[in-house]
Amino acid sequence: MEGERRQRLHRRPQLSAPGVICLMLERRKARKLALEILYQKEITGRSLEKIMEDRAYFEESEPLSDFSLRIIQGVLKHQKQINEMIEKYTDNWALERMPILDKNIIRMGIYEMLYEEDIPFSVSINEAVELAKIFGMKDSSRFVNGILGRIALELRGSHVGRE
């Protein structure tokens, strides 16, 4: 049974190099949009439905991909479990004192590691670190990398991991 699961987890769609690059860029863009919406939701306290209505009203806003929606809905659905993991791995950091962008980037990375089986942990961590470099503060990328790296080690040890 475990061997079958491992084979399924390591099976990747066969894409050409341009196809892989295109998928990577689409997912990076989807993560950025997901982060923007999660950040907006936390800052304003508005419902996801209202935020989406407002986005649809403005023509210049980009449509969300299925991947963006999965991340947003997944983070919100599993936020309690994800927050507990963050609190477990952040020494001397109260969740409410953590920078909102860092917190949401970490939430997205944890969501991917737990629920997006086709994405290797290393990719989820790297993409989160890149978002932190772009949107976070000076040390955000190191902070995000440290927390997600420790969580990935535990998940790998519990056989939830994919690499």
N, C-alpha and C. Protein backbone atom coordinates (compact mmCIF):
# COMPACT_ATOMS: atom_id res chain seq x y z
N MET A 1 0.82 -1.19 0.00
CA MET A 1 0.00 0.00 0.00
C MET A 1 0.87 1.26 0.00
N GLU A 2 1.86 1.31 0.89
CA GLU A 2 2.75 2.47 0.98
C GLU A 2 3.51 2.65 -0.32
N GLY A 3 3.96 1.55 -0.93
CA GLY A 3 4.68 1.63 -2.20
C GLY A 3 3.83 2.21 -3.31
N GLU A 4 2.54 1.83 -3.34
CA GLU A 4 1.63 2.38 -4.35
C GLU A 4 1.47 3.88 -4.15
N ARG A 5 1.32 4.31 -2.91
CA ARG A 5 1.17 5.73 -2.62
C ARG A 5 2.42 6.49 -3.05
N ARG A 6 3.58 5.93 -2.73
CA ARG A 6 4.83 6.59 -3.09
C ARG A 6 4.94 6.71 -4.61
N GLN A 7 4.59 5.64 -5.35
CA GLN A 7 4.64 5.71 -6.81
C GLN A 7 3.70 6.79 -7.34
N ARG A 8 2.49 6.85 -6.78
CA ARG A 8 1.52 7.85 -7.23
C ARG A 8 2.02 9.26 -6.95
N LEU A 9 2.66 9.44 -5.80
CA LEU A 9 3.15 10.76 -5.43
C LEU A 9 4.32 11.20 -6.30
N HIS A 10 5.10 10.26 -6.79
CA HIS A 10 6.26 10.63 -7.59
C HIS A 10 5.96 10.66 -9.08
N ARG A 11 4.77 10.24 -9.48
CA ARG A 11 4.39 10.27 -10.88
C ARG A 11 4.13 11.71 -11.30
N ARG A 12 4.76 12.16 -12.33
CA ARG A 12 4.60 13.53 -12.81
C ARG A 12 4.10 13.49 -14.26
N PRO A 13 3.28 14.47 -14.62
CA PRO A 13 2.88 14.53 -16.02
C PRO A 13 4.11 14.81 -16.88
N GLN A 14 4.17 14.19 -18.03
CA GLN A 14 5.30 14.38 -18.93
C GLN A 14 5.08 15.66 -19.73
N LEU A 15 5.83 16.69 -19.39
CA LEU A 15 5.74 17.96 -20.07
C LEU A 15 7.07 18.27 -20.72
N SER A 16 7.02 18.95 -21.84
CA SER A 16 8.25 19.42 -22.47
C SER A 16 8.81 20.56 -21.63
N ALA A 17 10.05 20.92 -21.88
CA ALA A 17 10.68 22.01 -21.11
C ALA A 17 9.85 23.29 -21.19
N PRO A 18 9.38 23.73 -22.38
CA PRO A 18 8.55 24.93 -22.41
C PRO A 18 7.24 24.74 -21.64
N GLY A 19 6.68 23.53 -21.65
CA GLY A 19 5.45 23.26 -20.90
C GLY A 19 5.66 23.36 -19.41
N VAL A 20 6.80 22.88 -18.92
CA VAL A 20 7.12 22.95 -17.50
C VAL A 20 7.31 24.39 -17.08
N ILE A 21 8.03 25.15 -17.88
CA ILE A 21 8.28 26.56 -17.56
C ILE A 21 6.97 27.33 -17.55
N CYS A 22 6.11 27.08 -18.51
CA CYS A 22 4.81 27.75 -18.57
C CYS A 22 3.98 27.43 -17.32
N LEU A 23 3.95 26.16 -16.91
CA LEU A 23 3.21 25.76 -15.72
C LEU A 23 3.78 26.43 -14.48
N MET A 24 5.11 26.49 -14.38
CA MET A 24 5.75 27.12 -13.23
C MET A 24 5.38 28.60 -13.15
N LEU A 25 5.41 29.29 -14.29
CA LEU A 25 5.08 30.72 -14.30
C LEU A 25 3.60 30.95 -13.97
N GLU A 26 2.73 30.08 -14.48
CA GLU A 26 1.31 30.20 -14.17
C GLU A 26 1.06 29.99 -12.68
N ARG A 27 1.72 29.01 -12.10
CA ARG A 27 1.53 28.75 -10.67
C ARG A 27 2.13 29.86 -9.81
N ARG A 28 3.25 30.42 -10.23
CA ARG A 28 3.84 31.54 -9.48
C ARG A 28 2.87 32.73 -9.48
N LYS A 29 2.32 33.01 -10.63
CA LYS A 29 1.34 34.10 -10.75
C LYS A 29 0.11 33.80 -9.90
N ALA A 30 -0.34 32.54 -9.91
CA ALA A 30 -1.50 32.13 -9.11
C ALA A 30 -1.23 32.30 -7.62
N ARG A 31 -0.03 31.96 -7.19
CA ARG A 31 0.34 32.13 -5.78
C ARG A 31 0.33 33.61 -5.39
N LYS A 32 0.85 34.45 -6.27
CA LYS A 32 0.89 35.89 -6.00
C LYS A 32 -0.53 36.43 -5.83
N LEU A 33 -1.43 36.04 -6.73
CA LEU A 33 -2.83 36.50 -6.62
C LEU A 33 -3.50 35.95 -5.37
N ALA A 34 -3.22 34.71 -5.04
CA ALA A 34 -3.78 34.12 -3.82
C ALA A 34 -3.30 34.89 -2.59
N LEU A 35 -2.00 35.23 -2.57
CA LEU A 35 -1.46 35.99 -1.45
C LEU A 35 -2.13 37.35 -1.34
N GLU A 36 -2.33 38.02 -2.46
CA GLU A 36 -2.99 39.33 -2.45
C GLU A 36 -4.38 39.24 -1.83
N ILE A 37 -5.12 38.21 -2.19
CA ILE A 37 -6.49 38.08 -1.68
C ILE A 37 -6.50 37.69 -0.20
N LEU A 38 -5.63 36.76 0.19
CA LEU A 38 -5.56 36.39 1.60
C LEU A 38 -5.13 37.59 2.46
N TYR A 39 -4.21 38.38 1.95
CA TYR A 39 -3.76 39.57 2.65
C TYR A 39 -4.92 40.56 2.78
N GLN A 40 -5.61 40.80 1.68
CA GLN A 40 -6.74 41.73 1.69
C GLN A 40 -7.81 41.27 2.67
N LYS A 41 -8.09 39.98 2.69
CA LYS A 41 -9.10 39.44 3.59
C LYS A 41 -8.70 39.67 5.05
N GLU A 42 -7.45 39.44 5.36
CA GLU A 42 -7.00 39.60 6.74
C GLU A 42 -6.96 41.08 7.16
N ILE A 43 -6.54 41.93 6.26
CA ILE A 43 -6.45 43.37 6.57
C ILE A 43 -7.84 43.99 6.74
N THR A 44 -8.77 43.65 5.83
CA THR A 44 -10.09 44.30 5.84
C THR A 44 -11.11 43.57 6.70
N GLY A 45 -10.90 42.26 6.90
CA GLY A 45 -11.89 41.48 7.64
C GLY A 45 -13.14 41.18 6.82
N ARG A 46 -13.10 41.49 5.54
CA ARG A 46 -14.25 41.24 4.66
C ARG A 46 -14.30 39.78 4.25
N SER A 47 -15.46 39.36 3.82
CA SER A 47 -15.64 37.97 3.39
C SER A 47 -14.96 37.75 2.05
N LEU A 48 -14.60 36.51 1.79
CA LEU A 48 -14.00 36.15 0.52
C LEU A 48 -14.96 36.48 -0.62
N GLU A 49 -16.25 36.23 -0.42
CA GLU A 49 -17.25 36.50 -1.45
C GLU A 49 -17.26 37.99 -1.82
N LYS A 50 -17.21 38.86 -0.83
CA LYS A 50 -17.23 40.31 -1.09
C LYS A 50 -15.95 40.74 -1.81
N ILE A 51 -14.83 40.20 -1.40
CA ILE A 51 -13.57 40.53 -2.06
C ILE A 51 -13.62 40.10 -3.52
N MET A 52 -14.15 38.92 -3.78
CA MET A 52 -14.25 38.41 -5.15
C MET A 52 -15.22 39.25 -5.98
N GLU A 53 -16.32 39.67 -5.39
CA GLU A 53 -17.27 40.56 -6.09
C GLU A 53 -16.57 41.85 -6.49
N ASP A 54 -15.84 42.44 -5.56
CA ASP A 54 -15.13 43.68 -5.85
C ASP A 54 -14.09 43.49 -6.94
N ARG A 55 -13.40 42.37 -6.91
CA ARG A 55 -12.40 42.09 -7.95
C ARG A 55 -13.06 41.98 -9.32
N ALA A 56 -14.21 41.33 -9.38
CA ALA A 56 -14.91 41.16 -10.65
C ALA A 56 -15.40 42.51 -11.19
N TYR A 57 -15.69 43.44 -10.31
CA TYR A 57 -16.19 44.75 -10.71
C TYR A 57 -15.14 45.55 -11.46
N PHE A 58 -13.90 45.42 -11.05
CA PHE A 58 -12.83 46.17 -11.68
C PHE A 58 -12.27 45.39 -12.85
N GLU A 59 -12.37 45.96 -14.04
CA GLU A 59 -11.95 45.26 -15.25
C GLU A 59 -10.47 44.93 -15.29
N GLU A 60 -9.64 45.75 -14.64
CA GLU A 60 -8.20 45.52 -14.73
C GLU A 60 -7.73 44.35 -13.88
N SER A 61 -8.59 43.84 -13.00
CA SER A 61 -8.16 42.72 -12.17
C SER A 61 -8.12 41.44 -13.01
N GLU A 62 -7.10 40.65 -12.72
CA GLU A 62 -6.92 39.40 -13.45
C GLU A 62 -7.86 38.33 -12.92
N PRO A 63 -8.38 37.48 -13.81
CA PRO A 63 -9.22 36.38 -13.32
C PRO A 63 -8.35 35.40 -12.54
N LEU A 64 -8.95 34.80 -11.54
CA LEU A 64 -8.22 33.83 -10.74
C LEU A 64 -8.22 32.47 -11.41
N SER A 65 -7.09 31.81 -11.35
CA SER A 65 -6.99 30.45 -11.88
C SER A 65 -7.58 29.47 -10.87
N ASP A 66 -7.81 28.26 -11.32
CA ASP A 66 -8.28 27.21 -10.40
C ASP A 66 -7.27 26.99 -9.28
N PHE A 67 -5.98 27.09 -9.60
CA PHE A 67 -4.94 26.90 -8.60
C PHE A 67 -5.01 27.99 -7.53
N SER A 68 -5.19 29.25 -7.94
CA SER A 68 -5.33 30.35 -6.98
C SER A 68 -6.51 30.09 -6.05
N LEU A 69 -7.63 29.73 -6.64
CA LEU A 69 -8.83 29.48 -5.83
C LEU A 69 -8.63 28.32 -4.86
N ARG A 70 -7.96 27.25 -5.32
CA ARG A 70 -7.68 26.11 -4.45
C ARG A 70 -6.84 26.53 -3.26
N ILE A 71 -5.83 27.35 -3.51
CA ILE A 71 -4.96 27.81 -2.42
C ILE A 71 -5.77 28.65 -1.44
N ILE A 72 -6.50 29.63 -1.95
CA ILE A 72 -7.27 30.53 -1.08
C ILE A 72 -8.28 29.74 -0.25
N GLN A 73 -9.08 28.95 -0.92
CA GLN A 73 -10.12 28.18 -0.22
C GLN A 73 -9.51 27.15 0.71
N GLY A 74 -8.41 26.53 0.30
CA GLY A 74 -7.76 25.54 1.14
C GLY A 74 -7.16 26.14 2.39
N VAL A 75 -6.50 27.29 2.25
CA VAL A 75 -5.93 27.97 3.42
C VAL A 75 -7.05 28.35 4.38
N LEU A 76 -8.13 28.90 3.86
CA LEU A 76 -9.22 29.33 4.73
C LEU A 76 -9.92 28.13 5.38
N LYS A 77 -10.12 27.07 4.63
CA LYS A 77 -10.79 25.88 5.17
C LYS A 77 -9.96 25.22 6.27
N HIS A 78 -8.66 25.18 6.10
CA HIS A 78 -7.78 24.47 7.03
C HIS A 78 -6.98 25.44 7.92
N GLN A 79 -7.44 26.67 8.03
CA GLN A 79 -6.67 27.70 8.73
C GLN A 79 -6.38 27.35 10.18
N LYS A 80 -7.32 26.74 10.87
CA LYS A 80 -7.08 26.39 12.28
C LYS A 80 -5.91 25.41 12.39
N GLN A 81 -5.94 24.34 11.60
CA GLN A 81 -4.86 23.35 11.61
C GLN A 81 -3.53 23.98 11.19
N ILE A 82 -3.57 24.80 10.17
CA ILE A 82 -2.36 25.45 9.65
C ILE A 82 -1.79 26.39 10.71
N ASN A 83 -2.66 27.18 11.34
CA ASN A 83 -2.19 28.11 12.38
C ASN A 83 -1.55 27.36 13.56
N GLU A 84 -2.13 26.22 13.91
CA GLU A 84 -1.54 25.42 14.99
C GLU A 84 -0.14 24.95 14.62
N MET A 85 0.05 24.59 13.36
CA MET A 85 1.39 24.17 12.92
C MET A 85 2.36 25.35 12.97
N ILE A 86 1.90 26.51 12.55
CA ILE A 86 2.76 27.69 12.59
C ILE A 86 3.18 27.98 14.03
N GLU A 87 2.21 27.97 14.94
CA GLU A 87 2.52 28.25 16.34
C GLU A 87 3.49 27.23 16.93
N LYS A 88 3.37 25.99 16.51
CA LYS A 88 4.26 24.94 17.00
C LYS A 88 5.72 25.18 16.57
N TYR A 89 5.91 25.75 15.39
CA TYR A 89 7.26 25.89 14.83
C TYR A 89 7.82 27.30 14.89
N THR A 90 7.10 28.23 15.50
CA THR A 90 7.64 29.58 15.64
C THR A 90 7.94 29.82 17.10
N ASP A 91 9.21 29.80 17.43
CA ASP A 91 9.63 30.03 18.80
C ASP A 91 9.47 31.51 19.14
N ASN A 92 8.77 31.75 20.24
CA ASN A 92 8.61 33.11 20.75
C ASN A 92 7.91 34.07 19.79
N TRP A 93 7.05 33.56 18.93
CA TRP A 93 6.28 34.40 18.02
C TRP A 93 4.81 34.11 18.22
N ALA A 94 4.07 35.10 18.67
CA ALA A 94 2.62 34.96 18.73
C ALA A 94 2.10 35.18 17.31
N LEU A 95 1.17 34.36 16.89
CA LEU A 95 0.64 34.43 15.53
C LEU A 95 0.12 35.83 15.21
N GLU A 96 -0.54 36.46 16.19
CA GLU A 96 -1.11 37.78 15.93
C GLU A 96 -0.05 38.87 15.80
N ARG A 97 1.15 38.62 16.26
CA ARG A 97 2.23 39.61 16.13
C ARG A 97 3.08 39.40 14.88
N MET A 98 2.87 38.29 14.21
CA MET A 98 3.64 37.98 13.01
C MET A 98 3.18 38.90 11.86
N PRO A 99 4.11 39.37 11.04
CA PRO A 99 3.71 40.19 9.89
C PRO A 99 2.67 39.44 9.04
N ILE A 100 1.63 40.13 8.64
CA ILE A 100 0.51 39.50 7.93
C ILE A 100 0.96 38.83 6.64
N LEU A 101 1.83 39.48 5.89
CA LEU A 101 2.31 38.86 4.65
C LEU A 101 3.07 37.57 4.93
N ASP A 102 4.00 37.61 5.89
CA ASP A 102 4.76 36.40 6.23
C ASP A 102 3.83 35.28 6.65
N LYS A 103 2.88 35.62 7.50
CA LYS A 103 1.94 34.62 8.02
C LYS A 103 1.16 33.97 6.87
N ASN A 104 0.69 34.77 5.92
CA ASN A 104 -0.08 34.21 4.81
C ASN A 104 0.78 33.44 3.82
N ILE A 105 2.01 33.87 3.64
CA ILE A 105 2.93 33.11 2.79
C ILE A 105 3.19 31.73 3.42
N ILE A 106 3.42 31.71 4.72
CA ILE A 106 3.64 30.44 5.43
C ILE A 106 2.40 29.57 5.37
N ARG A 107 1.23 30.17 5.56
CA ARG A 107 -0.02 29.40 5.46
C ARG A 107 -0.15 28.74 4.09
N MET A 108 0.16 29.50 3.06
CA MET A 108 0.06 28.94 1.71
C MET A 108 1.04 27.79 1.52
N GLY A 109 2.26 27.94 2.01
CA GLY A 109 3.25 26.87 1.88
C GLY A 109 2.83 25.62 2.62
N ILE A 110 2.30 25.78 3.82
CA ILE A 110 1.83 24.63 4.59
C ILE A 110 0.66 23.96 3.89
N TYR A 111 -0.27 24.77 3.40
CA TYR A 111 -1.41 24.21 2.67
C TYR A 111 -0.90 23.34 1.51
N GLU A 112 0.03 23.88 0.73
CA GLU A 112 0.55 23.12 -0.42
C GLU A 112 1.20 21.81 0.03
N MET A 113 2.01 21.88 1.08
CA MET A 113 2.70 20.66 1.54
C MET A 113 1.72 19.61 2.03
N LEU A 114 0.62 20.04 2.63
CA LEU A 114 -0.35 19.09 3.16
C LEU A 114 -1.34 18.57 2.11
N TYR A 115 -1.74 19.42 1.19
CA TYR A 115 -2.90 19.08 0.35
C TYR A 115 -2.66 19.08 -1.16
N GLU A 116 -1.56 19.61 -1.63
CA GLU A 116 -1.29 19.61 -3.08
C GLU A 116 -0.26 18.53 -3.37
N GLU A 117 -0.73 17.32 -3.57
CA GLU A 117 0.16 16.16 -3.66
C GLU A 117 1.09 16.16 -4.87
N ASP A 118 0.76 16.92 -5.90
CA ASP A 118 1.61 16.93 -7.08
C ASP A 118 2.76 17.92 -6.98
N ILE A 119 2.84 18.65 -5.88
CA ILE A 119 3.89 19.66 -5.72
C ILE A 119 4.90 19.18 -4.67
N PRO A 120 6.15 19.01 -5.05
CA PRO A 120 7.17 18.60 -4.07
C PRO A 120 7.33 19.67 -2.98
N PHE A 121 7.68 19.23 -1.79
CA PHE A 121 7.89 20.17 -0.68
C PHE A 121 8.89 21.25 -1.07
N SER A 122 9.97 20.85 -1.72
CA SER A 122 11.02 21.82 -2.07
C SER A 122 10.48 22.94 -2.95
N VAL A 123 9.55 22.62 -3.83
CA VAL A 123 8.95 23.64 -4.70
C VAL A 123 8.06 24.56 -3.87
N SER A 124 7.23 23.98 -2.99
CA SER A 124 6.37 24.80 -2.14
C SER A 124 7.20 25.77 -1.29
N ILE A 125 8.29 25.26 -0.72
CA ILE A 125 9.14 26.10 0.11
C ILE A 125 9.82 27.18 -0.73
N ASN A 126 10.38 26.79 -1.87
CA ASN A 126 11.07 27.76 -2.72
C ASN A 126 10.12 28.86 -3.19
N GLU A 127 8.93 28.49 -3.58
CA GLU A 127 7.96 29.50 -4.05
C GLU A 127 7.56 30.43 -2.92
N ALA A 128 7.41 29.90 -1.72
CA ALA A 128 7.07 30.74 -0.56
C ALA A 128 8.22 31.70 -0.26
N VAL A 129 9.44 31.21 -0.32
CA VAL A 129 10.61 32.06 -0.08
C VAL A 129 10.68 33.18 -1.13
N GLU A 130 10.40 32.85 -2.38
CA GLU A 130 10.42 33.88 -3.42
C GLU A 130 9.36 34.94 -3.17
N LEU A 131 8.17 34.54 -2.75
CA LEU A 131 7.13 35.52 -2.41
C LEU A 131 7.59 36.40 -1.26
N ALA A 132 8.24 35.80 -0.27
CA ALA A 132 8.73 36.56 0.88
C ALA A 132 9.81 37.55 0.46
N LYS A 133 10.66 37.17 -0.48
CA LYS A 133 11.68 38.10 -0.97
C LYS A 133 11.06 39.30 -1.66
N ILE A 134 9.99 39.05 -2.41
CA ILE A 134 9.33 40.11 -3.17
C ILE A 134 8.48 41.00 -2.27
N PHE A 135 7.68 40.40 -1.39
CA PHE A 135 6.68 41.16 -0.65
C PHE A 135 7.00 41.38 0.82
N GLY A 136 7.90 40.58 1.35
CA GLY A 136 8.16 40.64 2.79
C GLY A 136 9.21 41.68 3.17
N MET A 137 9.57 41.63 4.42
CA MET A 137 10.59 42.53 4.94
C MET A 137 11.97 41.91 4.71
N LYS A 138 12.99 42.57 5.23
CA LYS A 138 14.38 42.18 4.99
C LYS A 138 14.64 40.71 5.30
N ASP A 139 14.21 40.23 6.46
CA ASP A 139 14.50 38.86 6.87
C ASP A 139 13.35 37.88 6.66
N SER A 140 12.31 38.32 5.95
CA SER A 140 11.14 37.46 5.77
C SER A 140 11.46 36.15 5.08
N SER A 141 12.31 36.20 4.07
CA SER A 141 12.58 34.97 3.31
C SER A 141 13.27 33.93 4.20
N ARG A 142 14.18 34.36 5.05
CA ARG A 142 14.84 33.42 5.97
C ARG A 142 13.85 32.87 6.99
N PHE A 143 12.99 33.73 7.50
CA PHE A 143 11.97 33.33 8.47
C PHE A 143 11.03 32.28 7.86
N VAL A 144 10.52 32.56 6.67
CA VAL A 144 9.61 31.65 5.97
C VAL A 144 10.32 30.33 5.68
N ASN A 145 11.54 30.39 5.18
CA ASN A 145 12.29 29.18 4.85
C ASN A 145 12.52 28.32 6.09
N GLY A 146 12.87 28.95 7.21
CA GLY A 146 13.12 28.20 8.44
C GLY A 146 11.89 27.46 8.94
N ILE A 147 10.77 28.14 8.96
CA ILE A 147 9.54 27.52 9.46
C ILE A 147 9.08 26.41 8.53
N LEU A 148 9.00 26.70 7.24
CA LEU A 148 8.53 25.68 6.29
C LEU A 148 9.50 24.51 6.22
N GLY A 149 10.78 24.77 6.33
CA GLY A 149 11.77 23.68 6.32
C GLY A 149 11.59 22.74 7.50
N ARG A 150 11.35 23.30 8.67
CA ARG A 150 11.13 22.46 9.87
C ARG A 150 9.84 21.65 9.73
N ILE A 151 8.81 22.26 9.20
CA ILE A 151 7.54 21.55 9.02
C ILE A 151 7.71 20.44 7.99
N ALA A 152 8.43 20.72 6.91
CA ALA A 152 8.66 19.69 5.89
C ALA A 152 9.40 18.49 6.47
N LEU A 153 10.38 18.73 7.35
CA LEU A 153 11.09 17.63 7.98
C LEU A 153 10.15 16.74 8.78
N GLU A 154 9.24 17.36 9.52
CA GLU A 154 8.28 16.56 10.29
C GLU A 154 7.35 15.78 9.37
N LEU A 155 6.86 16.44 8.32
CA LEU A 155 5.94 15.76 7.40
C LEU A 155 6.63 14.61 6.68
N ARG A 156 7.87 14.80 6.30
CA ARG A 156 8.62 13.71 5.67
C ARG A 156 8.77 12.54 6.63
N GLY A 157 9.02 12.85 7.88
CA GLY A 157 9.20 11.82 8.90
C GLY A 157 7.92 11.05 9.19
N SER A 158 6.77 11.69 8.97
CA SER A 158 5.49 11.03 9.21
C SER A 158 4.93 10.38 7.97
N HIS A 159 5.74 10.34 6.90
CA HIS A 159 5.35 9.69 5.63
C HIS A 159 4.22 10.41 4.92
N VAL A 160 3.97 11.68 5.28
CA VAL A 160 3.01 12.48 4.53
C VAL A 160 3.74 13.07 3.33
N GLY A 161 5.06 13.17 3.45
CA GLY A 161 5.86 13.88 2.48
C GLY A 161 5.97 13.24 1.12
N ARG A 162 6.45 14.06 0.20
CA ARG A 162 6.57 13.62 -1.18
C ARG A 162 8.00 13.59 -1.65
N GLU A 163 8.93 13.94 -0.80
CA GLU A 163 10.35 13.86 -1.20
C GLU A 163 11.23 13.86 0.00
